[in-house]
Protein backbone atom coordinates (compact mmCIF):
# COMPACT_ATOMS: atom_id res chain seq x y z
CA MET A 1 0.01 0.02 0.01
CA LYS A 2 1.33 3.44 -0.95
CA LEU A 3 -0.18 6.38 0.92
CA VAL A 4 0.49 10.11 1.12
CA LEU A 5 -0.58 12.27 4.05
CA ILE A 6 -1.23 15.94 3.24
CA GLY A 7 -2.16 18.66 5.69
CA ILE A 8 -1.09 21.92 7.17
CA GLN A 9 1.71 21.85 9.77
CA GLY A 10 0.11 20.63 13.00
CA ALA A 11 -2.65 18.67 11.26
CA GLY A 12 -1.56 15.38 12.80
CA LYS A 13 0.22 13.78 9.84
CA SER A 14 2.99 12.32 12.00
CA THR A 15 0.51 10.90 14.55
CA GLN A 16 -1.63 9.27 11.86
CA GLY A 17 1.38 8.18 9.86
CA ASN A 18 2.81 6.27 12.79
CA LEU A 19 -0.57 4.66 13.60
CA LEU A 20 -1.05 3.60 9.96
CA SER A 21 2.51 2.29 9.79
CA LYS A 22 1.77 -0.07 12.67
CA GLN A 23 -1.65 -1.02 11.28
CA TYR A 24 -0.38 -1.92 7.79
CA ALA A 25 3.23 -2.92 8.69
CA ILE A 26 4.69 -0.47 6.15
CA PRO A 27 7.24 2.27 6.85
CA TYR A 28 6.33 5.89 7.56
CA LEU A 29 8.58 8.43 5.90
CA SER A 30 8.50 12.17 6.66
CA SER A 31 10.32 14.41 4.20
CA GLY A 32 10.62 16.98 6.99
CA HIS A 33 12.36 14.44 9.20
CA ILE A 34 14.78 13.56 6.37
CA PHE A 35 15.60 17.22 5.81
CA ARG A 36 16.05 17.98 9.53
CA GLU A 37 18.45 15.05 9.86
CA MET A 38 20.38 16.25 6.79
CA ALA A 39 20.39 19.80 8.20
CA LYS A 40 22.41 18.52 11.20
CA GLU A 41 25.26 17.49 8.88
CA LYS A 42 28.27 19.80 8.74
CA THR A 43 28.15 19.96 4.95
CA GLN A 44 27.28 22.75 2.52
CA LEU A 45 23.94 21.05 1.84
CA GLY A 46 23.30 20.54 5.56
CA ARG A 47 23.92 24.19 6.40
CA TRP A 48 21.79 25.33 3.44
CA LEU A 49 18.93 23.05 4.50
CA LYS A 50 19.10 24.28 8.07
CA GLU A 51 18.86 27.89 6.88
CA THR A 52 15.98 27.05 4.52
CA LEU A 53 13.99 25.09 7.15
CA ASN A 54 14.50 27.71 9.89
CA SER A 55 13.13 30.40 7.62
CA GLY A 56 9.96 28.36 7.00
CA ALA A 57 10.68 28.22 3.26
CA LEU A 58 10.17 25.09 1.15
CA VAL A 59 13.09 23.06 -0.12
CA PRO A 60 13.11 23.47 -3.94
CA ASP A 61 11.38 20.82 -6.06
CA ASP A 62 14.55 19.44 -7.68
CA THR A 63 16.29 18.85 -4.32
CA THR A 64 13.12 17.43 -2.74
CA LEU A 65 12.54 15.05 -5.61
CA GLU A 66 16.14 13.83 -5.67
CA VAL A 67 16.25 13.20 -1.92
CA VAL A 68 12.79 11.54 -1.55
CA LEU A 69 12.97 9.44 -4.70
CA THR A 70 16.42 8.19 -3.66
CA TYR A 71 15.01 7.18 -0.22
CA LEU A 72 12.09 5.35 -1.84
CA LYS A 73 14.49 3.12 -3.82
CA LYS A 74 15.61 1.54 -0.54
CA PRO A 75 14.42 -2.10 -0.11
CA GLU A 76 12.34 -1.30 3.01
CA TYR A 77 9.95 0.76 0.84
CA ALA A 78 9.45 -1.86 -1.89
CA LYS A 79 6.18 -3.19 -0.40
CA GLY A 80 4.71 0.20 0.35
CA TYR A 81 5.05 3.30 2.46
CA ILE A 82 3.29 6.21 4.08
CA LEU A 83 4.69 9.56 2.94
CA ASP A 84 4.32 12.79 4.90
CA GLY A 85 5.29 16.18 3.45
CA PHE A 86 5.74 14.95 -0.09
CA PRO A 87 4.64 15.81 -2.69
CA ARG A 88 4.22 19.39 -1.56
CA THR A 89 3.90 21.05 -4.97
CA VAL A 90 2.10 20.14 -8.18
CA PRO A 91 5.43 19.76 -10.08
CA GLN A 92 6.55 17.30 -7.37
CA ALA A 93 3.22 15.39 -7.69
CA GLU A 94 3.58 15.26 -11.46
CA ALA A 95 7.23 14.15 -11.38
CA PHE A 96 6.53 11.62 -8.63
CA ASN A 97 3.59 9.96 -10.32
CA GLY A 98 4.14 6.97 -8.04
CA SER A 99 1.44 4.34 -8.09
CA LEU A 100 -0.29 5.80 -5.05
CA ASP A 101 -3.29 4.05 -3.60
CA LYS A 102 -4.66 7.02 -1.68
CA VAL A 103 -3.78 10.56 -0.64
CA ILE A 104 -5.19 11.42 2.75
CA TYR A 105 -5.88 15.09 3.38
CA LEU A 106 -6.12 15.95 7.08
CA LYS A 107 -8.20 19.11 6.97
CA VAL A 108 -7.43 21.45 9.89
CA SER A 109 -7.99 25.21 10.17
CA ASP A 110 -5.06 27.63 10.40
CA LYS A 111 -6.19 28.60 13.94
CA GLU A 112 -6.26 24.98 15.11
CA ALA A 113 -2.86 24.25 13.57
CA LEU A 114 -1.29 27.25 15.29
CA TRP A 115 -2.87 26.27 18.59
CA ARG A 116 -1.55 22.69 18.30
CA ILE A 117 1.98 23.71 17.33
CA SER A 118 2.22 26.32 20.11
CA GLY A 119 1.22 23.64 22.60
CA ARG A 120 3.93 21.21 21.68
CA ALA A 121 6.31 20.39 24.47
CA ASP A 122 9.10 19.48 22.02
CA ALA A 123 9.18 22.63 19.88
CA ARG A 124 11.80 22.36 17.15
CA GLU A 125 14.27 24.98 16.10
CA ASP A 126 12.31 25.47 12.85
CA GLU A 127 9.03 26.15 14.69
CA THR A 128 9.29 29.86 15.34
CA LEU A 129 6.05 31.78 15.01
CA GLN A 130 7.35 33.48 11.83
CA ALA A 131 8.39 30.16 10.27
CA ILE A 132 5.08 28.54 11.13
CA ARG A 133 3.09 31.46 9.67
CA ASN A 134 5.22 31.26 6.53
CA ARG A 135 4.58 27.50 6.21
CA ILE A 136 0.83 28.00 6.64
CA LYS A 137 0.85 30.69 3.93
CA LEU A 138 2.90 28.39 1.66
CA PHE A 139 0.51 25.50 2.27
CA HIS A 140 -2.39 27.54 0.97
CA GLU A 141 -0.41 28.89 -1.97
CA VAL A 142 1.60 25.88 -3.01
CA THR A 143 0.23 22.67 -1.46
CA GLN A 144 -3.51 23.28 -1.69
CA PRO A 145 -3.26 22.83 -5.51
CA VAL A 146 -1.74 19.36 -4.80
CA VAL A 147 -4.93 18.49 -2.89
CA ASP A 148 -6.96 19.54 -5.96
CA TYR A 149 -4.60 17.60 -8.24
CA TYR A 150 -5.22 14.32 -6.37
CA ARG A 151 -8.94 15.08 -6.04
CA GLU A 152 -9.16 15.24 -9.85
CA GLN A 153 -7.45 11.82 -10.01
CA ASN A 154 -9.96 10.35 -7.54
CA LYS A 155 -7.16 9.45 -5.17
CA LEU A 156 -8.02 11.97 -2.44
CA VAL A 157 -9.61 11.04 0.90
CA GLU A 158 -10.52 14.14 2.92
CA VAL A 159 -10.89 13.72 6.65
CA ASP A 160 -11.76 16.07 9.45
CA GLY A 161 -8.47 16.51 11.26
CA GLU A 162 -9.97 18.55 14.10
CA VAL A 163 -11.75 15.64 15.80
CA PRO A 164 -9.96 13.45 18.38
CA VAL A 165 -7.02 11.34 17.13
CA GLU A 166 -8.99 8.08 17.31
CA GLU A 167 -11.83 9.53 15.19
CA VAL A 168 -9.38 10.80 12.57
CA TYR A 169 -7.81 7.34 12.46
CA ASP A 170 -11.23 5.66 12.13
CA GLN A 171 -12.13 7.98 9.23
CA ILE A 172 -8.90 7.02 7.48
CA LEU A 173 -9.35 3.31 8.01
CA ALA A 174 -12.95 3.47 6.77
CA ALA A 175 -11.79 5.20 3.59
CA LEU A 176 -8.99 2.66 2.95
């Protein structure tokens, strides 16, 4: 099974991704996690990624595609995966054209997302208020068209991401 989770920062993609990974025994892969790990490296790419992430900007399509597609060639992803944070733009979705089973859109309001992120105990370095606001703005400008792209392909499952975690999970399982 090949799934993609789409939603604004704070929508619960990581929570649902980990639950689904256990349910279906397939790996969960977050592009944000990959990039944050790479940003720790003392390389030119690592320093550039750290700067990019901390500003709340998106990693360019060519870099994102190269990194994520390379990861997906690993043997542990051969039987399926759950992707979070990719594809984030229509060009990424078009270039990816992986044989996805479903794209799950966790619909959460900007206000709810901000509230959730501000309440996290483990705030990351890239979760400043300015960076979060920038990511929310970018979600509406750049990623919302990806939601529409997959809706047109009849691959989109839209769930209410503002209900309790268990209810979100049940909505997803029912759709799959």
